[in-house]
Amino acid sequence: MNRALSNYLTLVITLTLCYTVYLFIFKQPFTITPIILFVVGAAIAECIRFFVLKSNEKKEDTLKK
């Protein structure tokens, strides 16, 4: 679970930093909407990754039997 949280935070921080750089380069006004999308999107991506890993573990267990 700690690894999942670490991956999630890394993804959110990376996306937020990219957005911040974009704001400064193109001198765009700040809006909170992209940050919310990054947080929700990263959570969805991490859940998908978690369930895919669990599914692969089950397949490996089945193949070992």
N, C-alpha and C. Protein backbone atom coordinates (compact mmCIF):
# COMPACT_ATOMS: atom_id res chain seq x y z
N MET A 1 0.83 -1.20 0.00
CA MET A 1 0.00 0.00 0.00
C MET A 1 0.87 1.26 0.00
N ASN A 2 2.00 1.21 0.69
CA ASN A 2 2.89 2.37 0.70
C ASN A 2 3.43 2.66 -0.69
N ARG A 3 3.70 1.60 -1.45
CA ARG A 3 4.21 1.79 -2.80
C ARG A 3 3.16 2.44 -3.68
N ALA A 4 1.91 2.02 -3.53
CA ALA A 4 0.83 2.61 -4.31
C ALA A 4 0.68 4.09 -3.99
N LEU A 5 0.75 4.43 -2.71
CA LEU A 5 0.65 5.83 -2.31
C LEU A 5 1.83 6.64 -2.85
N SER A 6 3.00 6.05 -2.81
CA SER A 6 4.19 6.72 -3.33
C SER A 6 4.06 6.97 -4.83
N ASN A 7 3.60 5.96 -5.57
CA ASN A 7 3.40 6.13 -7.01
C ASN A 7 2.36 7.20 -7.30
N TYR A 8 1.29 7.18 -6.53
CA TYR A 8 0.21 8.15 -6.71
C TYR A 8 0.72 9.57 -6.48
N LEU A 9 1.41 9.77 -5.38
CA LEU A 9 1.92 11.11 -5.07
C LEU A 9 2.93 11.58 -6.11
N THR A 10 3.78 10.67 -6.56
CA THR A 10 4.76 11.02 -7.59
C THR A 10 4.06 11.47 -8.86
N LEU A 11 3.03 10.76 -9.26
CA LEU A 11 2.29 11.13 -10.47
C LEU A 11 1.60 12.48 -10.32
N VAL A 12 0.94 12.69 -9.20
CA VAL A 12 0.24 13.97 -8.97
C VAL A 12 1.23 15.13 -8.94
N ILE A 13 2.33 14.96 -8.24
CA ILE A 13 3.33 16.03 -8.14
C ILE A 13 3.93 16.33 -9.51
N THR A 14 4.24 15.30 -10.28
CA THR A 14 4.81 15.49 -11.61
C THR A 14 3.84 16.24 -12.52
N LEU A 15 2.58 15.82 -12.52
CA LEU A 15 1.59 16.51 -13.36
C LEU A 15 1.38 17.95 -12.93
N THR A 16 1.37 18.18 -11.63
CA THR A 16 1.19 19.54 -11.12
C THR A 16 2.37 20.43 -11.49
N LEU A 17 3.57 19.90 -11.39
CA LEU A 17 4.75 20.67 -11.78
C LEU A 17 4.74 20.98 -13.28
N CYS A 18 4.34 20.02 -14.08
CA CYS A 18 4.24 20.26 -15.53
C CYS A 18 3.22 21.36 -15.82
N TYR A 19 2.11 21.32 -15.12
CA TYR A 19 1.07 22.34 -15.29
C TYR A 19 1.60 23.71 -14.88
N THR A 20 2.34 23.77 -13.79
CA THR A 20 2.90 25.03 -13.31
C THR A 20 3.88 25.60 -14.34
N VAL A 21 4.73 24.75 -14.89
CA VAL A 21 5.67 25.20 -15.93
C VAL A 21 4.90 25.72 -17.14
N TYR A 22 3.87 25.00 -17.53
CA TYR A 22 3.02 25.44 -18.65
C TYR A 22 2.44 26.82 -18.37
N LEU A 23 1.96 27.05 -17.14
CA LEU A 23 1.38 28.35 -16.79
C LEU A 23 2.40 29.47 -16.94
N PHE A 24 3.63 29.23 -16.48
CA PHE A 24 4.64 30.28 -16.55
C PHE A 24 5.14 30.51 -17.97
N ILE A 25 5.29 29.45 -18.74
CA ILE A 25 5.80 29.60 -20.11
C ILE A 25 4.79 30.34 -20.99
N PHE A 26 3.53 29.96 -20.91
CA PHE A 26 2.51 30.56 -21.77
C PHE A 26 1.73 31.68 -21.09
N LYS A 27 2.12 32.00 -19.87
CA LYS A 27 1.49 33.09 -19.11
C LYS A 27 -0.04 32.97 -19.08
N GLN A 28 -0.49 31.78 -18.72
CA GLN A 28 -1.92 31.49 -18.62
C GLN A 28 -2.39 31.74 -17.19
N PRO A 29 -3.66 32.08 -17.00
CA PRO A 29 -4.19 32.25 -15.64
C PRO A 29 -4.33 30.88 -14.96
N PHE A 30 -4.13 30.87 -13.66
CA PHE A 30 -4.23 29.63 -12.89
C PHE A 30 -5.69 29.26 -12.68
N THR A 31 -6.01 28.00 -12.90
CA THR A 31 -7.33 27.47 -12.55
C THR A 31 -7.13 26.16 -11.80
N ILE A 32 -8.02 25.85 -10.90
CA ILE A 32 -7.89 24.66 -10.06
C ILE A 32 -8.36 23.40 -10.79
N THR A 33 -9.11 23.55 -11.87
CA THR A 33 -9.69 22.39 -12.58
C THR A 33 -8.63 21.37 -13.02
N PRO A 34 -7.53 21.78 -13.65
CA PRO A 34 -6.53 20.77 -14.04
C PRO A 34 -5.94 20.03 -12.84
N ILE A 35 -5.75 20.71 -11.73
CA ILE A 35 -5.20 20.06 -10.54
C ILE A 35 -6.18 18.98 -10.06
N ILE A 36 -7.46 19.30 -10.05
CA ILE A 36 -8.47 18.31 -9.65
C ILE A 36 -8.45 17.13 -10.61
N LEU A 37 -8.36 17.41 -11.90
CA LEU A 37 -8.29 16.33 -12.89
C LEU A 37 -7.05 15.47 -12.70
N PHE A 38 -5.92 16.08 -12.35
CA PHE A 38 -4.69 15.32 -12.11
C PHE A 38 -4.87 14.38 -10.93
N VAL A 39 -5.45 14.89 -9.85
CA VAL A 39 -5.63 14.09 -8.64
C VAL A 39 -6.57 12.92 -8.91
N VAL A 40 -7.70 13.20 -9.55
CA VAL A 40 -8.67 12.14 -9.84
C VAL A 40 -8.10 11.16 -10.87
N GLY A 41 -7.47 11.68 -11.90
CA GLY A 41 -6.89 10.81 -12.92
C GLY A 41 -5.79 9.93 -12.38
N ALA A 42 -4.95 10.47 -11.53
CA ALA A 42 -3.88 9.68 -10.93
C ALA A 42 -4.46 8.60 -10.02
N ALA A 43 -5.52 8.91 -9.30
CA ALA A 43 -6.17 7.91 -8.44
C ALA A 43 -6.75 6.78 -9.28
N ILE A 44 -7.40 7.13 -10.38
CA ILE A 44 -7.96 6.10 -11.26
C ILE A 44 -6.84 5.24 -11.86
N ALA A 45 -5.78 5.88 -12.32
CA ALA A 45 -4.66 5.14 -12.90
C ALA A 45 -4.02 4.20 -11.88
N GLU A 46 -3.87 4.66 -10.66
CA GLU A 46 -3.26 3.83 -9.62
C GLU A 46 -4.17 2.65 -9.27
N CYS A 47 -5.47 2.87 -9.24
CA CYS A 47 -6.42 1.77 -8.99
C CYS A 47 -6.35 0.73 -10.10
N ILE A 48 -6.31 1.19 -11.34
CA ILE A 48 -6.20 0.27 -12.47
C ILE A 48 -4.92 -0.54 -12.37
N ARG A 49 -3.81 0.14 -12.08
CA ARG A 49 -2.52 -0.56 -11.96
C ARG A 49 -2.57 -1.59 -10.84
N PHE A 50 -3.18 -1.23 -9.73
CA PHE A 50 -3.28 -2.13 -8.58
C PHE A 50 -4.08 -3.38 -8.95
N PHE A 51 -5.23 -3.19 -9.60
CA PHE A 51 -6.06 -4.34 -9.95
C PHE A 51 -5.43 -5.20 -11.04
N VAL A 52 -4.69 -4.60 -11.95
CA VAL A 52 -3.98 -5.38 -12.97
C VAL A 52 -2.90 -6.23 -12.31
N LEU A 53 -2.16 -5.65 -11.38
CA LEU A 53 -1.13 -6.42 -10.67
C LEU A 53 -1.75 -7.57 -9.89
N LYS A 54 -2.87 -7.32 -9.22
CA LYS A 54 -3.56 -8.38 -8.47
C LYS A 54 -4.04 -9.48 -9.42
N SER A 55 -4.55 -9.09 -10.57
CA SER A 55 -5.03 -10.05 -11.55
C SER A 55 -3.87 -10.92 -12.06
N ASN A 56 -2.72 -10.29 -12.30
CA ASN A 56 -1.55 -11.04 -12.77
C ASN A 56 -1.06 -12.00 -11.70
N GLU A 57 -1.12 -11.61 -10.44
CA GLU A 57 -0.72 -12.51 -9.35
C GLU A 57 -1.62 -13.73 -9.31
N LYS A 58 -2.92 -13.53 -9.51
CA LYS A 58 -3.86 -14.65 -9.50
C LYS A 58 -3.59 -15.59 -10.67
N LYS A 59 -3.25 -15.03 -11.84
CA LYS A 59 -2.94 -15.86 -13.00
C LYS A 59 -1.69 -16.69 -12.75
N GLU A 60 -0.68 -16.09 -12.13
CA GLU A 60 0.55 -16.82 -11.83
C GLU A 60 0.29 -17.94 -10.83
N ASP A 61 -0.55 -17.68 -9.84
CA ASP A 61 -0.89 -18.71 -8.86
C ASP A 61 -1.63 -19.87 -9.53
N THR A 62 -2.50 -19.55 -10.46
CA THR A 62 -3.26 -20.58 -11.17
C THR A 62 -2.33 -21.42 -12.05
N LEU A 63 -1.36 -20.77 -12.69
CA LEU A 63 -0.43 -21.49 -13.55
C LEU A 63 0.49 -22.40 -12.75
N LYS A 64 0.82 -22.03 -11.53
CA LYS A 64 1.70 -22.84 -10.68
C LYS A 64 1.03 -24.13 -10.24
N LYS A 65 -0.30 -24.11 -10.16
CA LYS A 65 -1.03 -25.30 -9.70
C LYS A 65 -1.13 -26.30 -10.76
